[in-house]
Amino acid sequence: MVKVYLSRKGVEFDDFNVSTDRNALKNMISMGYRTTPITVIGDNKVVGYSPAKLDEALQAAGIA
């Protein structure tokens, strides 16, 4: 859902699959998370799918 939401807003992003990318899994754990999705936008991290929080993070980063 996050990928679809960001795509519809025209936001480019990198996608990492923690199931197949060991480095992505280590990075997620080092951030203190054990669940996905985690969307990092600037200094903000949004856990789960929350359009309001995604929009807030995009605005804070000057993207939307």
N, C-alpha and C. Protein backbone atom coordinates (compact mmCIF):
# COMPACT_ATOMS: atom_id res chain seq x y z
N MET A 1 0.81 -1.19 0.00
CA MET A 1 0.00 0.00 0.00
C MET A 1 0.86 1.26 0.00
N VAL A 2 1.97 1.26 0.75
CA VAL A 2 2.83 2.44 0.80
C VAL A 2 3.40 2.72 -0.59
N LYS A 3 3.84 1.68 -1.27
CA LYS A 3 4.42 1.87 -2.61
C LYS A 3 3.39 2.45 -3.56
N VAL A 4 2.18 1.95 -3.52
CA VAL A 4 1.12 2.47 -4.39
C VAL A 4 0.83 3.92 -4.04
N TYR A 5 0.73 4.23 -2.77
CA TYR A 5 0.43 5.58 -2.32
C TYR A 5 1.50 6.57 -2.79
N LEU A 6 2.76 6.23 -2.57
CA LEU A 6 3.84 7.12 -2.98
C LEU A 6 3.91 7.24 -4.50
N SER A 7 3.69 6.15 -5.20
CA SER A 7 3.70 6.18 -6.66
C SER A 7 2.60 7.10 -7.20
N ARG A 8 1.42 7.01 -6.63
CA ARG A 8 0.32 7.87 -7.08
C ARG A 8 0.60 9.34 -6.82
N LYS A 9 1.41 9.64 -5.81
CA LYS A 9 1.78 11.01 -5.51
C LYS A 9 3.00 11.46 -6.34
N GLY A 10 3.55 10.54 -7.12
CA GLY A 10 4.71 10.86 -7.96
C GLY A 10 6.02 10.94 -7.19
N VAL A 11 6.07 10.28 -6.04
CA VAL A 11 7.27 10.30 -5.20
C VAL A 11 8.14 9.11 -5.57
N GLU A 12 9.40 9.39 -5.91
CA GLU A 12 10.34 8.31 -6.20
C GLU A 12 10.84 7.71 -4.89
N PHE A 13 11.11 6.41 -4.90
CA PHE A 13 11.56 5.75 -3.67
C PHE A 13 12.38 4.52 -4.02
N ASP A 14 13.16 4.08 -3.06
CA ASP A 14 13.89 2.82 -3.16
C ASP A 14 13.14 1.80 -2.32
N ASP A 15 13.07 0.59 -2.82
CA ASP A 15 12.34 -0.48 -2.16
C ASP A 15 13.31 -1.58 -1.75
N PHE A 16 13.29 -1.93 -0.48
CA PHE A 16 14.17 -2.99 0.03
C PHE A 16 13.32 -4.09 0.62
N ASN A 17 13.61 -5.32 0.24
CA ASN A 17 12.86 -6.47 0.72
C ASN A 17 13.68 -7.18 1.80
N VAL A 18 13.25 -7.06 3.04
CA VAL A 18 14.00 -7.66 4.15
C VAL A 18 13.95 -9.18 4.13
N SER A 19 13.05 -9.75 3.34
CA SER A 19 12.98 -11.21 3.23
C SER A 19 14.10 -11.77 2.37
N THR A 20 14.59 -10.96 1.44
CA THR A 20 15.60 -11.45 0.50
C THR A 20 16.91 -10.67 0.58
N ASP A 21 16.92 -9.53 1.24
CA ASP A 21 18.10 -8.67 1.32
C ASP A 21 18.59 -8.63 2.77
N ARG A 22 19.63 -9.37 3.03
CA ARG A 22 20.15 -9.50 4.39
C ARG A 22 20.60 -8.15 4.95
N ASN A 23 21.21 -7.31 4.12
CA ASN A 23 21.65 -6.00 4.59
C ASN A 23 20.46 -5.12 4.97
N ALA A 24 19.38 -5.21 4.20
CA ALA A 24 18.17 -4.44 4.52
C ALA A 24 17.59 -4.91 5.85
N LEU A 25 17.61 -6.21 6.09
CA LEU A 25 17.12 -6.76 7.36
C LEU A 25 17.96 -6.25 8.52
N LYS A 26 19.29 -6.28 8.37
CA LYS A 26 20.18 -5.78 9.42
C LYS A 26 19.92 -4.30 9.68
N ASN A 27 19.72 -3.53 8.62
CA ASN A 27 19.46 -2.10 8.76
C ASN A 27 18.15 -1.87 9.52
N MET A 28 17.12 -2.63 9.18
CA MET A 28 15.83 -2.49 9.85
C MET A 28 15.98 -2.78 11.35
N ILE A 29 16.67 -3.85 11.68
CA ILE A 29 16.86 -4.23 13.07
C ILE A 29 17.70 -3.19 13.80
N SER A 30 18.71 -2.64 13.12
CA SER A 30 19.56 -1.63 13.76
C SER A 30 18.78 -0.35 14.06
N MET A 31 17.70 -0.09 13.32
CA MET A 31 16.85 1.06 13.58
C MET A 31 15.88 0.78 14.73
N GLY A 32 15.85 -0.49 15.19
CA GLY A 32 15.00 -0.85 16.31
C GLY A 32 13.64 -1.38 15.91
N TYR A 33 13.48 -1.76 14.66
CA TYR A 33 12.19 -2.25 14.18
C TYR A 33 12.25 -3.73 13.85
N ARG A 34 11.10 -4.37 13.95
CA ARG A 34 11.00 -5.79 13.61
C ARG A 34 9.78 -6.06 12.74
N THR A 35 9.17 -5.01 12.23
CA THR A 35 7.99 -5.16 11.40
C THR A 35 8.10 -4.23 10.19
N THR A 36 7.39 -4.56 9.16
CA THR A 36 7.38 -3.73 7.95
C THR A 36 5.95 -3.34 7.62
N PRO A 37 5.73 -2.34 6.82
CA PRO A 37 6.73 -1.51 6.16
C PRO A 37 7.25 -0.41 7.08
N ILE A 38 8.48 -0.01 6.80
CA ILE A 38 9.08 1.17 7.43
C ILE A 38 9.45 2.09 6.28
N THR A 39 8.92 3.29 6.31
CA THR A 39 9.21 4.25 5.27
C THR A 39 10.04 5.36 5.88
N VAL A 40 11.25 5.54 5.35
CA VAL A 40 12.14 6.58 5.84
C VAL A 40 12.07 7.75 4.87
N ILE A 41 11.63 8.89 5.39
CA ILE A 41 11.52 10.11 4.58
C ILE A 41 12.26 11.20 5.33
N GLY A 42 13.43 11.56 4.81
CA GLY A 42 14.25 12.53 5.51
C GLY A 42 14.64 11.98 6.87
N ASP A 43 14.34 12.73 7.92
CA ASP A 43 14.66 12.29 9.28
C ASP A 43 13.51 11.52 9.93
N ASN A 44 12.40 11.37 9.21
CA ASN A 44 11.21 10.73 9.77
C ASN A 44 11.10 9.27 9.33
N LYS A 45 10.59 8.46 10.24
CA LYS A 45 10.31 7.05 9.94
C LYS A 45 8.84 6.81 10.19
N VAL A 46 8.16 6.25 9.20
CA VAL A 46 6.74 5.94 9.32
C VAL A 46 6.61 4.42 9.30
N VAL A 47 6.06 3.87 10.37
CA VAL A 47 5.88 2.42 10.47
C VAL A 47 4.44 2.10 10.12
N GLY A 48 4.27 1.15 9.21
CA GLY A 48 2.92 0.78 8.77
C GLY A 48 2.46 1.70 7.66
N TYR A 49 1.19 1.58 7.33
CA TYR A 49 0.60 2.39 6.27
C TYR A 49 -0.33 3.42 6.89
N SER A 50 0.10 4.67 6.86
CA SER A 50 -0.69 5.77 7.38
C SER A 50 -0.54 6.96 6.44
N PRO A 51 -1.52 7.17 5.56
CA PRO A 51 -1.41 8.29 4.62
C PRO A 51 -1.16 9.63 5.31
N ALA A 52 -1.79 9.87 6.45
CA ALA A 52 -1.60 11.13 7.15
C ALA A 52 -0.15 11.29 7.62
N LYS A 53 0.42 10.23 8.17
CA LYS A 53 1.80 10.30 8.64
C LYS A 53 2.78 10.38 7.46
N LEU A 54 2.47 9.69 6.38
CA LEU A 54 3.32 9.78 5.19
C LEU A 54 3.31 11.19 4.64
N ASP A 55 2.13 11.80 4.55
CA ASP A 55 2.02 13.18 4.06
C ASP A 55 2.77 14.15 4.97
N GLU A 56 2.66 13.94 6.26
CA GLU A 56 3.35 14.80 7.23
C GLU A 56 4.87 14.70 7.04
N ALA A 57 5.37 13.48 6.87
CA ALA A 57 6.81 13.27 6.67
C ALA A 57 7.27 13.86 5.34
N LEU A 58 6.46 13.71 4.30
CA LEU A 58 6.79 14.30 2.99
C LEU A 58 6.87 15.81 3.09
N GLN A 59 5.93 16.42 3.77
CA GLN A 59 5.91 17.87 3.93
C GLN A 59 7.12 18.33 4.74
N ALA A 60 7.44 17.62 5.81
CA ALA A 60 8.60 17.97 6.64
C ALA A 60 9.90 17.90 5.84
N ALA A 61 9.95 16.98 4.88
CA ALA A 61 11.16 16.82 4.05
C ALA A 61 11.14 17.75 2.84
N GLY A 62 10.05 18.49 2.68
CA GLY A 62 9.93 19.42 1.55
C GLY A 62 9.68 18.72 0.23
N ILE A 63 9.10 17.54 0.29
CA ILE A 63 8.83 16.76 -0.93
C ILE A 63 7.44 17.01 -1.44
N ALA A 64 6.48 17.21 -0.57
CA ALA A 64 5.09 17.42 -1.03
C ALA A 64 4.48 18.63 -0.38
